Amino acid sequence: MIPIYERSRRLRKPVGLFIGVGSVLLFAACASTPPAPDVALSSAQQAIAAADQQRVADTSYPTLSEARDKLAEAQTAVTDKRMADAARLADEARVDALLATAQIQQSKDQAVNDEMVQSTRMLTEEMQRNSGATQ
C-alpha cells in the first residue's frame, strides 16, 4: 500500500505542470495583437462613399475631409499594429461622414422649405390681389 503523502505528491506534479502550461498559454494569448477592425474600416469607407454620392464634397463642409483624414489615420494605425486606435479612428470617421451627410441633407431640406414658403407667400399675395380686383 502506498502511503498517503506519496499519492498527494504524485498528484501535485501533473497539477503544477498543467498550471504552468496554462499560464504560458494565457500570457501568449494576452500578448498577441488583436485582429484588425475590418468591419469598422469598411463601414467608415461606405459612409464616406455615401456622403460623396450626396455631393457633400461639393459644399463647404469640412466634416467629410475630417472623416477622410481619420480613415487614413485608422489605416495607418492598422499597419502599425495599434488596433484599438484603428477601431476608434474608424468609428470616428464613420460618424463624421454620417454627420456630413446629415448636414448636407438638412441644408437641401432647408432650401426646399424656403422655396415652398416663398411660393406660398406669392400665391397668398396673388389671391389677395385677385379678390380685391373682383370687388
Protein backbone atom coordinates (compact mmCIF):
# COMPACT_ATOMS: atom_id res chain seq x y z
CA MET A 1 0.00 0.00 0.00
CA ILE A 2 1.23 3.47 -0.93
CA PRO A 3 1.34 5.97 1.91
CA ILE A 4 -0.97 8.99 1.56
CA TYR A 5 1.80 11.58 1.37
CA GLU A 6 3.30 9.82 -1.68
CA ARG A 7 -0.05 9.82 -3.52
CA SER A 8 -0.55 13.53 -2.91
CA ARG A 9 3.00 14.21 -4.11
CA ARG A 10 2.25 12.37 -7.37
CA LEU A 11 -0.89 14.46 -7.89
CA ARG A 12 0.95 17.74 -7.35
CA LYS A 13 3.36 17.21 -10.23
CA PRO A 14 0.71 16.97 -13.00
CA VAL A 15 -1.34 19.77 -11.47
CA GLY A 16 1.72 22.01 -11.29
CA LEU A 17 2.64 21.17 -14.86
CA PHE A 18 -0.93 21.88 -16.00
CA ILE A 19 -0.96 25.26 -14.22
CA GLY A 20 2.41 26.19 -15.72
CA VAL A 21 1.41 25.31 -19.27
CA GLY A 22 -1.93 27.09 -18.81
CA SER A 23 -0.18 30.21 -17.56
CA VAL A 24 2.18 30.26 -20.53
CA LEU A 25 -0.73 29.89 -22.96
CA LEU A 26 -2.67 32.62 -21.18
CA PHE A 27 0.24 35.06 -21.36
CA ALA A 28 0.80 34.22 -25.02
CA ALA A 29 -2.86 34.91 -25.79
CA CYS A 30 -2.75 38.23 -23.97
CA ALA A 31 0.42 39.30 -25.74
CA SER A 32 -0.87 38.67 -29.26
CA THR A 33 -2.10 41.55 -31.39
CA PRO A 34 -5.88 41.85 -31.59
CA PRO A 35 -7.45 41.42 -35.04
CA ALA A 36 -7.77 44.38 -37.37
CA PRO A 37 -11.08 46.26 -37.13
CA ASP A 38 -12.11 45.35 -40.67
CA VAL A 39 -15.82 45.92 -40.06
CA ALA A 40 -15.25 49.41 -38.65
CA LEU A 41 -12.94 50.33 -41.53
CA SER A 42 -15.34 49.10 -44.20
CA SER A 43 -18.34 50.83 -42.60
CA ALA A 44 -16.36 54.09 -42.47
CA GLN A 45 -15.46 53.69 -46.15
CA GLN A 46 -19.11 53.06 -47.02
CA ALA A 47 -20.26 56.12 -45.08
CA ILE A 48 -17.70 58.29 -46.87
CA ALA A 49 -18.80 56.87 -50.23
CA ALA A 50 -22.43 57.60 -49.39
CA ALA A 51 -21.51 61.17 -48.48
CA ASP A 52 -19.69 61.51 -51.79
CA GLN A 53 -22.79 60.33 -53.64
CA GLN A 54 -24.83 63.08 -51.98
CA ARG A 55 -22.37 65.66 -53.26
CA VAL A 56 -21.16 66.59 -49.78
CA ALA A 57 -17.75 67.23 -51.28
CA ASP A 58 -19.24 70.00 -53.44
CA THR A 59 -20.20 72.00 -50.38
CA SER A 60 -18.04 73.70 -47.82
CA TYR A 61 -18.49 71.15 -45.03
CA PRO A 62 -15.09 70.29 -43.52
CA THR A 63 -16.59 67.29 -41.74
CA LEU A 64 -16.11 64.98 -44.71
CA SER A 65 -12.45 65.88 -45.09
CA GLU A 66 -12.01 65.19 -41.37
CA ALA A 67 -13.64 61.79 -41.92
CA ARG A 68 -11.22 61.02 -44.74
CA ASP A 69 -8.26 62.09 -42.59
CA LYS A 70 -9.40 59.90 -39.70
CA LEU A 71 -9.89 56.93 -42.03
CA ALA A 72 -6.34 57.38 -43.33
CA GLU A 73 -5.07 57.55 -39.74
CA ALA A 74 -7.00 54.38 -38.92
CA GLN A 75 -5.42 52.55 -41.83
CA THR A 76 -2.00 53.75 -40.68
CA ALA A 77 -2.77 52.53 -37.17
CA VAL A 78 -3.62 49.08 -38.57
CA THR A 79 -0.24 48.87 -40.29
CA ASP A 80 1.42 49.99 -37.04
CA LYS A 81 -0.47 47.24 -35.13
CA ARG A 82 -2.38 49.75 -32.99
CA MET A 83 -5.74 48.06 -33.39
CA ALA A 84 -7.56 49.86 -30.58
CA ASP A 85 -6.63 53.23 -32.07
CA ALA A 86 -7.57 51.99 -35.53
CA ALA A 87 -11.02 50.91 -34.37
CA ARG A 88 -11.62 54.21 -32.57
CA LEU A 89 -10.48 56.28 -35.56
CA ALA A 90 -12.57 54.21 -37.99
CA ASP A 91 -15.65 54.73 -35.83
CA GLU A 92 -14.96 58.47 -35.65
CA ALA A 93 -14.52 58.60 -39.44
CA ARG A 94 -17.85 56.83 -39.93
CA VAL A 95 -19.63 59.20 -37.56
CA ASP A 96 -18.07 62.25 -39.24
CA ALA A 97 -19.18 61.01 -42.66
CA LEU A 98 -22.70 60.43 -41.37
CA LEU A 99 -22.70 63.90 -39.86
CA ALA A 100 -21.59 65.43 -43.17
CA THR A 101 -24.37 63.55 -44.95
CA ALA A 102 -26.94 64.76 -42.42
CA GLN A 103 -25.69 68.35 -42.67
CA ILE A 104 -25.96 68.44 -46.46
CA GLN A 105 -29.39 66.80 -46.33
CA GLN A 106 -30.51 69.38 -43.79
CA SER A 107 -29.31 72.24 -45.98
CA LYS A 108 -31.09 70.73 -49.01
CA ASP A 109 -34.27 70.32 -46.97
CA GLN A 110 -33.99 73.90 -45.73
CA ALA A 111 -33.64 75.17 -49.32
CA VAL A 112 -36.78 73.25 -50.35
CA ASN A 113 -38.62 74.59 -47.32
CA ASP A 114 -37.58 78.17 -48.10
CA GLU A 115 -38.75 77.74 -51.69
CA MET A 116 -42.12 76.42 -50.53
CA VAL A 117 -42.56 79.33 -48.11
CA GLN A 118 -41.75 81.78 -50.89
CA SER A 119 -44.22 80.09 -53.27
CA THR A 120 -46.93 80.13 -50.62
CA ARG A 121 -46.29 83.80 -49.95
CA MET A 122 -46.53 84.61 -53.66
CA LEU A 123 -49.78 82.64 -54.01
CA THR A 124 -51.27 84.40 -50.99
CA GLU A 125 -50.39 87.81 -52.44
CA GLU A 126 -51.86 86.83 -55.81
CA MET A 127 -55.08 85.66 -54.17
CA GLN A 128 -55.35 88.91 -52.23
CA ARG A 129 -54.85 90.95 -55.41
CA ASN A 130 -57.43 88.91 -57.31
CA SER A 131 -60.00 89.08 -54.54
CA GLY A 132 -59.50 92.86 -54.29
CA ALA A 133 -59.95 93.32 -58.07
CA THR A 134 -63.29 91.46 -58.18
CA GLN A 135 -64.94 93.62 -55.53
